[in-house]
N, C-alpha and C. Protein backbone atom coordinates (compact mmCIF):
# COMPACT_ATOMS: atom_id res chain seq x y z
N MET A 1 0.84 -1.18 0.00
CA MET A 1 0.00 0.00 0.00
C MET A 1 0.87 1.23 0.00
N GLY A 2 0.31 2.30 -0.51
CA GLY A 2 1.02 3.55 -0.53
C GLY A 2 0.10 4.67 -0.96
N LEU A 3 0.70 5.81 -1.15
CA LEU A 3 -0.04 7.01 -1.52
C LEU A 3 0.00 7.20 -3.02
N ASP A 4 -1.16 7.19 -3.65
CA ASP A 4 -1.29 7.48 -5.07
C ASP A 4 -1.84 8.89 -5.23
N ILE A 5 -1.30 9.59 -6.21
CA ILE A 5 -1.69 10.98 -6.46
C ILE A 5 -2.20 11.10 -7.88
N ALA A 6 -3.30 11.83 -8.05
CA ALA A 6 -3.80 12.16 -9.38
C ALA A 6 -3.99 13.68 -9.44
N ALA A 7 -3.44 14.28 -10.47
CA ALA A 7 -3.59 15.72 -10.67
C ALA A 7 -4.49 15.95 -11.88
N TYR A 8 -5.36 16.93 -11.75
CA TYR A 8 -6.33 17.24 -12.79
C TYR A 8 -6.19 18.70 -13.21
N GLU A 9 -6.42 18.94 -14.47
CA GLU A 9 -6.38 20.29 -15.03
C GLU A 9 -7.69 20.55 -15.76
N GLY A 10 -8.18 21.79 -15.68
CA GLY A 10 -9.38 22.18 -16.42
C GLY A 10 -10.64 21.47 -15.97
N LEU A 11 -10.90 21.48 -14.67
CA LEU A 11 -12.08 20.80 -14.15
C LEU A 11 -13.36 21.59 -14.43
N THR A 12 -14.40 20.85 -14.82
CA THR A 12 -15.74 21.41 -14.92
C THR A 12 -16.69 20.42 -14.27
N LYS A 13 -17.63 20.94 -13.51
CA LYS A 13 -18.58 20.09 -12.80
C LYS A 13 -19.47 19.36 -13.80
N ASN A 14 -19.65 18.07 -13.58
CA ASN A 14 -20.50 17.24 -14.44
C ASN A 14 -21.85 17.09 -13.75
N ASP A 15 -22.81 17.92 -14.12
CA ASP A 15 -24.12 17.88 -13.48
C ASP A 15 -25.01 16.75 -13.99
N SER A 16 -24.56 16.03 -15.01
CA SER A 16 -25.37 14.93 -15.53
C SER A 16 -25.12 13.63 -14.78
N LEU A 17 -24.12 13.61 -13.91
CA LEU A 17 -23.82 12.42 -13.11
C LEU A 17 -23.88 12.78 -11.63
N LYS A 18 -24.32 11.83 -10.83
CA LYS A 18 -24.40 12.02 -9.38
C LYS A 18 -23.71 10.85 -8.69
N PHE A 19 -23.02 11.15 -7.60
CA PHE A 19 -22.38 10.13 -6.78
C PHE A 19 -23.25 9.93 -5.54
N VAL A 20 -23.77 8.70 -5.37
CA VAL A 20 -24.64 8.40 -4.24
C VAL A 20 -24.27 7.02 -3.69
N ASP A 21 -23.94 6.97 -2.40
CA ASP A 21 -23.67 5.70 -1.71
C ASP A 21 -22.67 4.81 -2.46
N GLY A 22 -21.63 5.41 -2.99
CA GLY A 22 -20.56 4.63 -3.62
C GLY A 22 -20.76 4.32 -5.09
N ASP A 23 -21.88 4.74 -5.66
CA ASP A 23 -22.14 4.49 -7.09
C ASP A 23 -22.33 5.80 -7.83
N VAL A 24 -22.07 5.76 -9.14
CA VAL A 24 -22.27 6.91 -10.01
C VAL A 24 -23.53 6.64 -10.84
N PHE A 25 -24.46 7.60 -10.82
CA PHE A 25 -25.72 7.46 -11.53
C PHE A 25 -25.83 8.53 -12.62
N ASN A 26 -26.43 8.15 -13.76
CA ASN A 26 -26.73 9.13 -14.81
C ASN A 26 -28.11 9.73 -14.54
N GLN A 27 -28.60 10.57 -15.45
CA GLN A 27 -29.88 11.25 -15.24
C GLN A 27 -31.07 10.30 -15.31
N GLN A 28 -30.86 9.11 -15.90
CA GLN A 28 -31.92 8.11 -15.95
C GLN A 28 -31.88 7.19 -14.71
N HIS A 29 -31.06 7.56 -13.74
CA HIS A 29 -30.90 6.82 -12.48
C HIS A 29 -30.31 5.43 -12.69
N GLU A 30 -29.48 5.30 -13.74
CA GLU A 30 -28.77 4.05 -14.01
C GLU A 30 -27.35 4.18 -13.47
N ILE A 31 -26.84 3.08 -12.94
CA ILE A 31 -25.45 3.07 -12.48
C ILE A 31 -24.54 3.03 -13.70
N VAL A 32 -23.56 3.93 -13.72
CA VAL A 32 -22.62 3.99 -14.85
C VAL A 32 -21.20 4.06 -14.31
N ASP A 33 -20.24 3.76 -15.18
CA ASP A 33 -18.84 3.90 -14.82
C ASP A 33 -18.45 5.37 -14.87
N ILE A 34 -17.51 5.74 -14.03
CA ILE A 34 -17.01 7.11 -14.07
C ILE A 34 -16.20 7.29 -15.35
N PRO A 35 -16.38 8.38 -16.06
CA PRO A 35 -15.65 8.58 -17.32
C PRO A 35 -14.15 8.73 -17.09
N ASP A 36 -13.37 8.41 -18.13
CA ASP A 36 -11.93 8.68 -18.07
C ASP A 36 -11.74 10.18 -17.83
N ASN A 37 -10.66 10.52 -17.16
CA ASN A 37 -10.35 11.91 -16.84
C ASN A 37 -11.40 12.58 -15.96
N ALA A 38 -12.16 11.79 -15.22
CA ALA A 38 -13.15 12.37 -14.30
C ALA A 38 -12.66 12.20 -12.86
N LEU A 39 -13.17 13.03 -12.01
CA LEU A 39 -12.81 13.04 -10.59
C LEU A 39 -14.08 13.04 -9.75
N ILE A 40 -14.14 12.13 -8.79
CA ILE A 40 -15.15 12.22 -7.74
C ILE A 40 -14.45 12.89 -6.56
N ALA A 41 -14.90 14.06 -6.22
CA ALA A 41 -14.21 14.86 -5.20
C ALA A 41 -14.62 14.44 -3.80
N PHE A 42 -13.62 14.07 -3.00
CA PHE A 42 -13.83 13.79 -1.58
C PHE A 42 -12.97 14.77 -0.79
N ILE A 43 -13.60 15.71 -0.16
CA ILE A 43 -12.88 16.71 0.61
C ILE A 43 -12.61 16.15 2.00
N ASN A 44 -11.35 16.20 2.40
CA ASN A 44 -10.98 15.73 3.73
C ASN A 44 -11.57 16.70 4.75
N PRO A 45 -12.45 16.22 5.64
CA PRO A 45 -13.11 17.13 6.58
C PRO A 45 -12.16 17.82 7.54
N ALA A 46 -10.95 17.28 7.73
CA ALA A 46 -9.98 17.93 8.61
C ALA A 46 -9.29 19.11 7.92
N PHE A 47 -9.40 19.18 6.58
CA PHE A 47 -8.70 20.22 5.82
C PHE A 47 -9.61 20.82 4.74
N PRO A 48 -10.80 21.31 5.09
CA PRO A 48 -11.71 21.81 4.05
C PRO A 48 -11.18 23.05 3.34
N ASP A 49 -10.30 23.82 3.99
CA ASP A 49 -9.77 25.03 3.38
C ASP A 49 -8.85 24.73 2.20
N ARG A 50 -8.37 23.51 2.08
CA ARG A 50 -7.49 23.16 0.96
C ARG A 50 -8.26 23.00 -0.35
N ALA A 51 -9.60 22.92 -0.25
CA ALA A 51 -10.41 22.69 -1.46
C ALA A 51 -11.65 23.57 -1.48
N ARG A 52 -11.45 24.84 -1.21
CA ARG A 52 -12.59 25.78 -1.17
C ARG A 52 -13.33 25.87 -2.49
N ASP A 53 -12.63 25.58 -3.59
CA ASP A 53 -13.21 25.74 -4.92
C ASP A 53 -13.76 24.43 -5.49
N ILE A 54 -13.89 23.41 -4.64
CA ILE A 54 -14.39 22.09 -5.06
C ILE A 54 -15.59 21.74 -4.19
N GLU A 55 -16.61 21.12 -4.80
CA GLU A 55 -17.76 20.66 -4.03
C GLU A 55 -17.58 19.18 -3.69
N ASP A 56 -17.76 18.88 -2.42
CA ASP A 56 -17.60 17.51 -1.93
C ASP A 56 -18.58 16.56 -2.61
N ARG A 57 -18.09 15.40 -2.98
CA ARG A 57 -18.85 14.30 -3.57
C ARG A 57 -19.49 14.65 -4.91
N CYS A 58 -18.98 15.67 -5.57
CA CYS A 58 -19.43 15.99 -6.93
C CYS A 58 -18.45 15.38 -7.93
N ILE A 59 -18.94 15.21 -9.13
CA ILE A 59 -18.13 14.64 -10.20
C ILE A 59 -17.70 15.77 -11.12
N TYR A 60 -16.41 15.76 -11.45
CA TYR A 60 -15.84 16.76 -12.33
C TYR A 60 -15.19 16.08 -13.53
N ASN A 61 -15.33 16.70 -14.69
CA ASN A 61 -14.58 16.27 -15.87
C ASN A 61 -13.32 17.11 -15.96
N ALA A 62 -12.24 16.51 -16.43
CA ALA A 62 -10.97 17.23 -16.55
C ALA A 62 -10.50 17.24 -18.00
N VAL A 63 -9.82 18.30 -18.35
CA VAL A 63 -9.20 18.39 -19.67
C VAL A 63 -8.00 17.45 -19.73
N ASP A 64 -7.27 17.34 -18.62
CA ASP A 64 -6.08 16.49 -18.57
C ASP A 64 -5.92 15.92 -17.18
N ARG A 65 -5.25 14.76 -17.12
CA ARG A 65 -5.03 14.06 -15.85
C ARG A 65 -3.64 13.46 -15.87
N PHE A 66 -2.99 13.47 -14.72
CA PHE A 66 -1.65 12.90 -14.55
C PHE A 66 -1.61 12.23 -13.19
N SER A 67 -1.02 11.04 -13.11
CA SER A 67 -0.96 10.37 -11.82
C SER A 67 0.43 9.80 -11.57
N PHE A 68 0.73 9.60 -10.30
CA PHE A 68 2.01 9.01 -9.91
C PHE A 68 1.89 8.41 -8.52
N LYS A 69 2.85 7.58 -8.18
CA LYS A 69 2.92 6.98 -6.86
C LYS A 69 3.88 7.83 -6.02
N ALA A 70 3.37 8.33 -4.89
CA ALA A 70 4.20 9.16 -4.01
C ALA A 70 5.01 8.31 -3.04
N GLY A 71 4.86 7.00 -3.13
CA GLY A 71 5.61 6.08 -2.27
C GLY A 71 4.73 5.45 -1.22
N SER A 72 5.36 4.64 -0.39
CA SER A 72 4.65 4.07 0.75
C SER A 72 4.30 5.23 1.68
N TYR A 73 3.39 4.99 2.60
CA TYR A 73 3.03 6.07 3.52
C TYR A 73 4.24 6.52 4.33
N SER A 74 5.05 5.57 4.79
CA SER A 74 6.24 5.95 5.56
C SER A 74 7.25 6.65 4.65
N GLY A 75 7.38 6.19 3.41
CA GLY A 75 8.29 6.85 2.47
C GLY A 75 7.85 8.26 2.14
N TYR A 76 6.54 8.45 1.95
CA TYR A 76 6.02 9.79 1.69
C TYR A 76 6.27 10.69 2.89
N ASN A 77 6.07 10.17 4.09
CA ASN A 77 6.30 10.99 5.28
C ASN A 77 7.77 11.35 5.44
N ARG A 78 8.70 10.47 5.05
CA ARG A 78 10.14 10.83 5.06
C ARG A 78 10.40 11.94 4.04
N TRP A 79 9.79 11.82 2.85
CA TRP A 79 9.96 12.85 1.82
C TRP A 79 9.38 14.18 2.32
N ARG A 80 8.21 14.12 2.93
CA ARG A 80 7.56 15.33 3.45
C ARG A 80 8.41 15.97 4.54
N GLU A 81 9.08 15.17 5.36
CA GLU A 81 9.99 15.70 6.38
C GLU A 81 11.15 16.44 5.72
N MET A 82 11.70 15.87 4.65
CA MET A 82 12.79 16.54 3.93
C MET A 82 12.31 17.85 3.32
N LEU A 83 11.08 17.86 2.82
CA LEU A 83 10.50 19.08 2.24
C LEU A 83 10.34 20.15 3.32
N ALA A 84 9.88 19.74 4.50
CA ALA A 84 9.71 20.70 5.61
C ALA A 84 11.05 21.29 6.02
N LYS A 85 12.08 20.46 6.06
CA LYS A 85 13.42 20.95 6.40
C LYS A 85 13.92 21.92 5.33
N LEU A 86 13.72 21.56 4.06
CA LEU A 86 14.11 22.43 2.95
C LEU A 86 13.42 23.79 3.05
N ALA A 87 12.14 23.77 3.45
CA ALA A 87 11.35 25.00 3.53
C ALA A 87 11.71 25.85 4.75
N GLY A 88 12.50 25.30 5.67
CA GLY A 88 12.96 26.08 6.82
C GLY A 88 12.09 26.00 8.05
N TYR A 89 11.19 25.02 8.12
CA TYR A 89 10.40 24.88 9.33
C TYR A 89 11.30 24.38 10.46
N PRO A 90 11.14 24.90 11.67
CA PRO A 90 12.01 24.48 12.78
C PRO A 90 11.71 23.05 13.21
N GLU A 91 12.74 22.35 13.61
CA GLU A 91 12.54 21.02 14.18
C GLU A 91 11.78 21.19 15.49
N THR A 92 10.68 20.50 15.61
CA THR A 92 9.75 20.69 16.73
C THR A 92 9.45 19.34 17.37
N ARG A 93 9.35 19.34 18.69
CA ARG A 93 9.06 18.10 19.43
C ARG A 93 7.56 18.02 19.73
N LEU A 94 6.99 16.84 19.49
CA LEU A 94 5.59 16.58 19.80
C LEU A 94 5.45 15.17 20.37
N GLN A 95 4.40 14.98 21.16
CA GLN A 95 4.05 13.65 21.65
C GLN A 95 3.16 12.99 20.59
N ILE A 96 3.62 11.87 20.03
CA ILE A 96 2.84 11.12 19.05
C ILE A 96 2.69 9.70 19.59
N ASN A 97 1.46 9.30 19.84
CA ASN A 97 1.18 7.96 20.38
C ASN A 97 2.01 7.64 21.62
N GLY A 98 2.13 8.62 22.50
CA GLY A 98 2.84 8.41 23.76
C GLY A 98 4.35 8.49 23.67
N THR A 99 4.88 8.77 22.50
CA THR A 99 6.32 8.86 22.32
C THR A 99 6.68 10.26 21.85
N GLU A 100 7.67 10.85 22.49
CA GLU A 100 8.12 12.18 22.06
C GLU A 100 8.98 12.03 20.82
N GLN A 101 8.62 12.79 19.80
CA GLN A 101 9.35 12.77 18.53
C GLN A 101 9.69 14.19 18.13
N SER A 102 10.70 14.31 17.27
CA SER A 102 11.14 15.62 16.81
C SER A 102 11.26 15.61 15.29
N GLN A 103 10.55 16.55 14.65
CA GLN A 103 10.58 16.63 13.18
C GLN A 103 10.38 18.07 12.72
N HIS A 104 10.87 18.36 11.54
CA HIS A 104 10.61 19.65 10.90
C HIS A 104 9.15 19.74 10.46
N ALA A 105 8.58 18.60 10.02
CA ALA A 105 7.17 18.60 9.60
C ALA A 105 6.26 19.04 10.74
N PHE A 106 6.62 18.71 11.99
CA PHE A 106 5.82 19.16 13.13
C PHE A 106 5.84 20.68 13.21
N GLY A 107 6.96 21.29 12.84
CA GLY A 107 7.03 22.75 12.81
C GLY A 107 6.02 23.33 11.84
N ALA A 108 5.82 22.65 10.71
CA ALA A 108 4.80 23.09 9.74
C ALA A 108 3.40 22.85 10.29
N TRP A 109 3.23 21.74 11.01
CA TRP A 109 1.91 21.42 11.54
C TRP A 109 1.42 22.48 12.52
N ILE A 110 2.32 23.08 13.27
CA ILE A 110 1.88 24.08 14.25
C ILE A 110 1.92 25.50 13.67
N ALA A 111 2.49 25.65 12.48
CA ALA A 111 2.50 26.96 11.82
C ALA A 111 1.11 27.23 11.22
N THR A 112 0.90 28.45 10.79
CA THR A 112 -0.37 28.80 10.15
C THR A 112 -0.20 29.14 8.68
N ALA A 113 1.06 29.17 8.21
CA ALA A 113 1.35 29.47 6.81
C ALA A 113 2.83 29.24 6.58
N GLY A 114 3.23 29.25 5.33
CA GLY A 114 4.63 29.10 4.98
C GLY A 114 4.79 28.30 3.71
N PRO A 115 6.03 28.15 3.25
CA PRO A 115 6.28 27.38 2.03
C PRO A 115 5.80 25.93 2.19
N PHE A 116 5.06 25.48 1.21
CA PHE A 116 4.55 24.09 1.16
C PHE A 116 3.62 23.75 2.32
N TRP A 117 3.22 24.72 3.10
CA TRP A 117 2.41 24.46 4.30
C TRP A 117 1.15 23.68 3.98
N GLU A 118 0.48 24.01 2.88
CA GLU A 118 -0.78 23.35 2.52
C GLU A 118 -0.59 21.87 2.21
N LEU A 119 0.61 21.48 1.83
CA LEU A 119 0.93 20.08 1.53
C LEU A 119 1.48 19.36 2.75
N ILE A 120 2.42 19.99 3.44
CA ILE A 120 3.04 19.34 4.61
C ILE A 120 2.01 19.15 5.72
N ASN A 121 1.17 20.14 5.93
CA ASN A 121 0.13 20.09 6.96
C ASN A 121 -1.18 19.62 6.32
N PHE A 122 -1.13 18.40 5.78
CA PHE A 122 -2.28 17.79 5.09
C PHE A 122 -2.23 16.30 5.33
N SER A 123 -3.32 15.66 5.11
CA SER A 123 -3.42 14.21 5.27
C SER A 123 -2.38 13.50 4.41
N ASP A 124 -1.93 12.35 4.88
CA ASP A 124 -0.99 11.57 4.08
C ASP A 124 -1.68 10.40 3.38
N ASN A 125 -3.03 10.42 3.33
CA ASN A 125 -3.68 9.28 2.71
C ASN A 125 -4.99 9.57 1.98
N GLU A 126 -5.61 10.73 2.19
CA GLU A 126 -6.86 10.98 1.48
C GLU A 126 -7.21 12.46 1.50
N GLY A 127 -7.89 12.87 0.47
CA GLY A 127 -8.35 14.24 0.40
C GLY A 127 -7.99 14.88 -0.92
N ILE A 128 -8.35 16.13 -1.03
CA ILE A 128 -8.15 16.85 -2.28
C ILE A 128 -7.66 18.26 -1.99
N ILE A 129 -6.75 18.72 -2.81
CA ILE A 129 -6.26 20.11 -2.75
C ILE A 129 -6.72 20.78 -4.04
N GLY A 130 -7.50 21.84 -3.89
CA GLY A 130 -8.09 22.51 -5.04
C GLY A 130 -7.20 23.53 -5.71
N THR A 131 -7.80 24.28 -6.61
CA THR A 131 -7.07 25.22 -7.47
C THR A 131 -6.35 26.30 -6.68
N SER A 132 -7.03 26.95 -5.76
CA SER A 132 -6.42 28.08 -5.04
C SER A 132 -5.17 27.66 -4.29
N ALA A 133 -5.27 26.60 -3.51
CA ALA A 133 -4.10 26.12 -2.77
C ALA A 133 -3.03 25.60 -3.73
N SER A 134 -3.45 25.00 -4.84
CA SER A 134 -2.48 24.49 -5.82
C SER A 134 -1.69 25.62 -6.47
N LYS A 135 -2.32 26.75 -6.70
CA LYS A 135 -1.60 27.90 -7.27
C LYS A 135 -0.47 28.33 -6.33
N LYS A 136 -0.78 28.39 -5.05
CA LYS A 136 0.22 28.78 -4.08
C LYS A 136 1.33 27.74 -4.02
N LEU A 137 0.96 26.46 -3.99
CA LEU A 137 1.97 25.39 -3.94
C LEU A 137 2.80 25.34 -5.21
N SER A 138 2.20 25.58 -6.34
CA SER A 138 2.95 25.62 -7.60
C SER A 138 4.05 26.69 -7.53
N ALA A 139 3.70 27.85 -6.99
CA ALA A 139 4.69 28.92 -6.83
C ALA A 139 5.79 28.52 -5.85
N ASP A 140 5.42 27.82 -4.76
CA ASP A 140 6.42 27.35 -3.80
C ASP A 140 7.41 26.38 -4.47
N PHE A 141 6.88 25.45 -5.25
CA PHE A 141 7.76 24.49 -5.93
C PHE A 141 8.70 25.21 -6.90
N ALA A 142 8.21 26.20 -7.62
CA ALA A 142 9.07 26.95 -8.54
C ALA A 142 10.16 27.70 -7.77
N THR A 143 9.80 28.30 -6.66
CA THR A 143 10.76 29.06 -5.85
C THR A 143 11.86 28.17 -5.28
N PHE A 144 11.52 26.97 -4.87
CA PHE A 144 12.47 26.08 -4.19
C PHE A 144 13.11 25.04 -5.12
N ASP A 145 12.88 25.13 -6.42
CA ASP A 145 13.40 24.11 -7.34
C ASP A 145 14.92 23.98 -7.25
N ASP A 146 15.63 25.07 -7.33
CA ASP A 146 17.11 25.00 -7.27
C ASP A 146 17.59 24.44 -5.94
N ALA A 147 16.97 24.85 -4.86
CA ALA A 147 17.35 24.34 -3.54
C ALA A 147 17.05 22.84 -3.41
N ALA A 148 15.95 22.39 -3.98
CA ALA A 148 15.61 20.97 -3.93
C ALA A 148 16.61 20.14 -4.73
N ARG A 149 17.01 20.66 -5.87
CA ARG A 149 18.01 19.96 -6.69
C ARG A 149 19.35 19.90 -5.94
N ALA A 150 19.66 20.95 -5.20
CA ALA A 150 20.94 21.03 -4.48
C ALA A 150 20.99 20.10 -3.26
N VAL A 151 19.83 19.57 -2.82
CA VAL A 151 19.83 18.63 -1.70
C VAL A 151 20.74 17.45 -2.01
N GLY A 152 20.83 17.09 -3.29
CA GLY A 152 21.76 16.05 -3.71
C GLY A 152 21.23 14.63 -3.61
N GLU A 153 19.94 14.46 -3.32
CA GLU A 153 19.33 13.14 -3.28
C GLU A 153 18.43 13.00 -4.49
N ALA A 154 18.84 12.16 -5.43
CA ALA A 154 18.10 12.02 -6.68
C ALA A 154 16.65 11.63 -6.45
N GLU A 155 16.41 10.70 -5.55
CA GLU A 155 15.04 10.24 -5.30
C GLU A 155 14.17 11.36 -4.75
N PHE A 156 14.72 12.17 -3.85
CA PHE A 156 13.98 13.30 -3.31
C PHE A 156 13.61 14.27 -4.43
N TYR A 157 14.58 14.59 -5.28
CA TYR A 157 14.31 15.58 -6.33
C TYR A 157 13.37 15.04 -7.40
N GLN A 158 13.46 13.75 -7.70
CA GLN A 158 12.53 13.16 -8.68
C GLN A 158 11.09 13.29 -8.19
N LEU A 159 10.87 12.99 -6.93
CA LEU A 159 9.53 13.11 -6.37
C LEU A 159 9.12 14.58 -6.27
N PHE A 160 10.05 15.45 -5.95
CA PHE A 160 9.80 16.89 -5.93
C PHE A 160 9.27 17.34 -7.30
N GLN A 161 9.90 16.88 -8.38
CA GLN A 161 9.48 17.26 -9.72
C GLN A 161 8.08 16.73 -10.06
N LEU A 162 7.75 15.53 -9.61
CA LEU A 162 6.41 14.99 -9.85
C LEU A 162 5.35 15.83 -9.13
N TRP A 163 5.62 16.17 -7.88
CA TRP A 163 4.69 17.04 -7.14
C TRP A 163 4.58 18.40 -7.82
N GLN A 164 5.70 18.93 -8.28
CA GLN A 164 5.68 20.22 -8.95
C GLN A 164 4.80 20.16 -10.20
N ARG A 165 4.95 19.11 -10.98
CA ARG A 165 4.11 18.93 -12.18
C ARG A 165 2.64 18.85 -11.79
N ALA A 166 2.34 18.10 -10.72
CA ALA A 166 0.95 17.95 -10.27
C ALA A 166 0.35 19.30 -9.89
N PHE A 167 1.07 20.09 -9.10
CA PHE A 167 0.51 21.37 -8.66
C PHE A 167 0.50 22.40 -9.79
N ASP A 168 1.42 22.31 -10.73
CA ASP A 168 1.37 23.18 -11.91
C ASP A 168 0.08 22.91 -12.69
N MET A 169 -0.25 21.62 -12.87
CA MET A 169 -1.50 21.27 -13.58
C MET A 169 -2.71 21.76 -12.80
N ALA A 170 -2.74 21.44 -11.51
CA ALA A 170 -3.91 21.76 -10.69
C ALA A 170 -4.11 23.27 -10.55
N ALA A 171 -3.06 24.04 -10.72
CA ALA A 171 -3.17 25.50 -10.66
C ALA A 171 -3.97 26.06 -11.82
N ARG A 172 -4.17 25.25 -12.83
CA ARG A 172 -4.96 25.66 -14.00
C ARG A 172 -6.36 25.05 -13.88
N ASP A 173 -7.14 25.59 -12.95
CA ASP A 173 -8.52 25.16 -12.70
C ASP A 173 -8.64 23.66 -12.45
N GLY A 174 -7.75 23.15 -11.61
CA GLY A 174 -7.75 21.73 -11.34
C GLY A 174 -7.70 21.41 -9.87
N ALA A 175 -7.17 20.21 -9.59
CA ALA A 175 -7.06 19.73 -8.22
C ALA A 175 -6.05 18.60 -8.16
N VAL A 176 -5.55 18.34 -6.96
CA VAL A 176 -4.67 17.20 -6.69
C VAL A 176 -5.42 16.31 -5.71
N ASN A 177 -5.57 15.04 -6.11
CA ASN A 177 -6.35 14.08 -5.33
C ASN A 177 -5.43 13.05 -4.70
N PHE A 178 -5.55 12.86 -3.39
CA PHE A 178 -4.79 11.87 -2.63
C PHE A 178 -5.67 10.64 -2.47
N VAL A 179 -5.19 9.49 -2.94
CA VAL A 179 -5.97 8.24 -2.81
C VAL A 179 -5.08 7.11 -2.34
C-alpha cells in the first residue's frame, strides 16, 4: 500500500452524473462507470480550506489528468519531512502515540502558513487540494526548485518534480487528489 496521487487540469462540474452511496448514476438513475479523466471529489473534513473551490462528492470532468505513486506512507512521510526541512520549518518536538518525537514537519503542523504548508500540513492518505491552494503550492515548488536539486538526493528531487508537475497542472482550474 502507498499514496497514489492524481492531478487534474481544467475541471468542470459534471451535473449529468451524481455520486450516491458509492455508485455513479446518470440522469436516468442508471449506475454507470465514471468517465476517463473524471474526478469524484472527496474533501478531507480535517482540511476543508485546501479545497474551497471544489464541491464535496461531486463529479468533475478534466481536460487532462496525470498520476504518480508518491511512495509508501512511511516513504512519503520521510519525503515530506525533507521538504519541511528544505522549507525552513524548525525542528519541533511533539508527543505522538505516547512517544516524544522531533521533526521539521511538526514545525509546519503548528504553523499557520509558509512554504509548502498546505501540503506538509495535510493528510498523508486521502483528500483533495483545489485550485487556489495548488496555485500557491505551484509557486512554492518553482521558488524552491534549485534548492531541492541542491539537496543532492536524486530520489527526493525526482519526487519533488512529480509534485511540482501535479501542482502546476492543478493551478490551471484543477485539483490534486490523494488516494
